[in-house]
Amino acid sequence: MIVENKVCPKCGSNKIGQGKQIGHGKMLPANNTFMSLGSNIIADICTECGYIMEMRVEKPYKFK
């Protein structure tokens, strides 16, 4: 997925894509119960230099 209207603060490129961190890289709630699977992490990434500009969880409601 291409992200519109963002510019990389490191190299100035506007070629920004998105990636998903999965598997062992999932974010879990601090008060994690045994059954909670947490949420994948989505990142906006400069496709020119690789700088990770922003990270957020895919399912924020799991952290309420």
C-alpha atoms as a PDB file:
ATOM      1  CA  MET A   1       0.000   0.000   0.000  1.00  0.00           C
ATOM      2  CA  ILE A   2       1.272   3.464  -0.901  1.00  0.00           C
ATOM      3  CA  VAL A   3       0.881   6.250   1.667  1.00  0.00           C
ATOM      4  CA  GLU A   4      -0.086   9.675   0.278  1.00  0.00           C
ATOM      5  CA  ASN A   5       1.109  13.115   1.459  1.00  0.00           C
ATOM      6  CA  LYS A   6       4.013  12.005   3.654  1.00  0.00           C
ATOM      7  CA  VAL A   7       7.661  12.935   3.254  1.00  0.00           C
ATOM      8  CA  CYS A   8      10.567  11.043   4.810  1.00  0.00           C
ATOM      9  CA  PRO A   9      12.370  13.236   7.378  1.00  0.00           C
ATOM     10  CA  LYS A  10      15.674  11.450   6.672  1.00  0.00           C
ATOM     11  CA  CYS A  11      15.964  11.602   2.863  1.00  0.00           C
ATOM     12  CA  GLY A  12      13.049  13.811   1.710  1.00  0.00           C
ATOM     13  CA  SER A  13      11.441  11.145  -0.473  1.00  0.00           C
ATOM     14  CA  ASN A  14       7.668  11.015  -0.831  1.00  0.00           C
ATOM     15  CA  LYS A  15       7.741   7.338  -1.806  1.00  0.00           C
ATOM     16  CA  ILE A  16       6.237   5.862   1.349  1.00  0.00           C
ATOM     17  CA  GLY A  17       4.852   2.339   1.632  1.00  0.00           C
ATOM     18  CA  GLN A  18       3.316   0.295   4.421  1.00  0.00           C
ATOM     19  CA  GLY A  19       4.499  -2.900   6.030  1.00  0.00           C
ATOM     20  CA  LYS A  20       3.033  -5.253   8.616  1.00  0.00           C
ATOM     21  CA  GLN A  21       5.076  -6.776  11.418  1.00  0.00           C
ATOM     22  CA  ILE A  22       3.610 -10.157  12.344  1.00  0.00           C
ATOM     23  CA  GLY A  23       4.485 -13.320  14.215  1.00  0.00           C
ATOM     24  CA  HIS A  24       6.706 -12.772  17.245  1.00  0.00           C
ATOM     25  CA  GLY A  25       6.620  -9.015  16.580  1.00  0.00           C
ATOM     26  CA  LYS A  26       3.013  -8.619  17.723  1.00  0.00           C
ATOM     27  CA  MET A  27       2.139  -6.035  20.354  1.00  0.00           C
ATOM     28  CA  LEU A  28       0.340  -7.384  23.419  1.00  0.00           C
ATOM     29  CA  PRO A  29      -1.638  -5.417  26.024  1.00  0.00           C
ATOM     30  CA  ALA A  30       0.384  -4.703  29.184  1.00  0.00           C
ATOM     31  CA  ASN A  31      -2.235  -6.560  31.232  1.00  0.00           C
ATOM     32  CA  ASN A  32      -2.154  -9.440  28.746  1.00  0.00           C
ATOM     33  CA  THR A  33      -4.418 -12.325  29.571  1.00  0.00           C
ATOM     34  CA  PHE A  34      -3.371 -15.777  28.423  1.00  0.00           C
ATOM     35  CA  MET A  35      -6.013 -15.792  25.681  1.00  0.00           C
ATOM     36  CA  SER A  36      -5.180 -12.383  24.153  1.00  0.00           C
ATOM     37  CA  LEU A  37      -3.453 -12.600  20.776  1.00  0.00           C
ATOM     38  CA  GLY A  38      -2.600  -8.897  20.653  1.00  0.00           C
ATOM     39  CA  SER A  39      -2.400  -7.033  17.355  1.00  0.00           C
ATOM     40  CA  ASN A  40      -0.163  -6.840  14.326  1.00  0.00           C
ATOM     41  CA  ILE A  41       1.941  -3.694  13.955  1.00  0.00           C
ATOM     42  CA  ILE A  42       1.568  -1.525  10.840  1.00  0.00           C
ATOM     43  CA  ALA A  43       4.457   0.735   9.801  1.00  0.00           C
ATOM     44  CA  ASP A  44       4.859   3.557   7.284  1.00  0.00           C
ATOM     45  CA  ILE A  45       8.245   3.010   5.625  1.00  0.00           C
ATOM     46  CA  CYS A  46      10.284   5.131   3.227  1.00  0.00           C
ATOM     47  CA  THR A  47      10.833   2.905   0.191  1.00  0.00           C
ATOM     48  CA  GLU A  48      13.965   4.893  -0.750  1.00  0.00           C
ATOM     49  CA  CYS A  49      16.046   4.727   2.457  1.00  0.00           C
ATOM     50  CA  GLY A  50      14.081   2.273   4.640  1.00  0.00           C
ATOM     51  CA  TYR A  51      13.397   4.706   7.484  1.00  0.00           C
ATOM     52  CA  ILE A  52      10.390   3.654   9.598  1.00  0.00           C
ATOM     53  CA  MET A  53       8.377   6.822   9.974  1.00  0.00           C
ATOM     54  CA  GLU A  54       5.431   5.651  12.057  1.00  0.00           C
ATOM     55  CA  MET A  55       4.238   2.499  13.770  1.00  0.00           C
ATOM     56  CA  ARG A  56       0.772   1.693  15.079  1.00  0.00           C
ATOM     57  CA  VAL A  57      -1.247  -1.358  16.070  1.00  0.00           C
ATOM     58  CA  GLU A  58      -3.739  -2.726  13.580  1.00  0.00           C
ATOM     59  CA  LYS A  59      -6.445  -3.342  16.220  1.00  0.00           C
ATOM     60  CA  PRO A  60      -6.243  -0.573  18.837  1.00  0.00           C
ATOM     61  CA  TYR A  61      -9.478  -1.669  20.561  1.00  0.00           C
ATOM     62  CA  LYS A  62      -7.590  -4.631  22.037  1.00  0.00           C
ATOM     63  CA  PHE A  63      -5.728  -2.218  24.339  1.00  0.00           C
ATOM     64  CA  LYS A  64      -8.742  -0.703  26.109  1.00  0.00           C
END
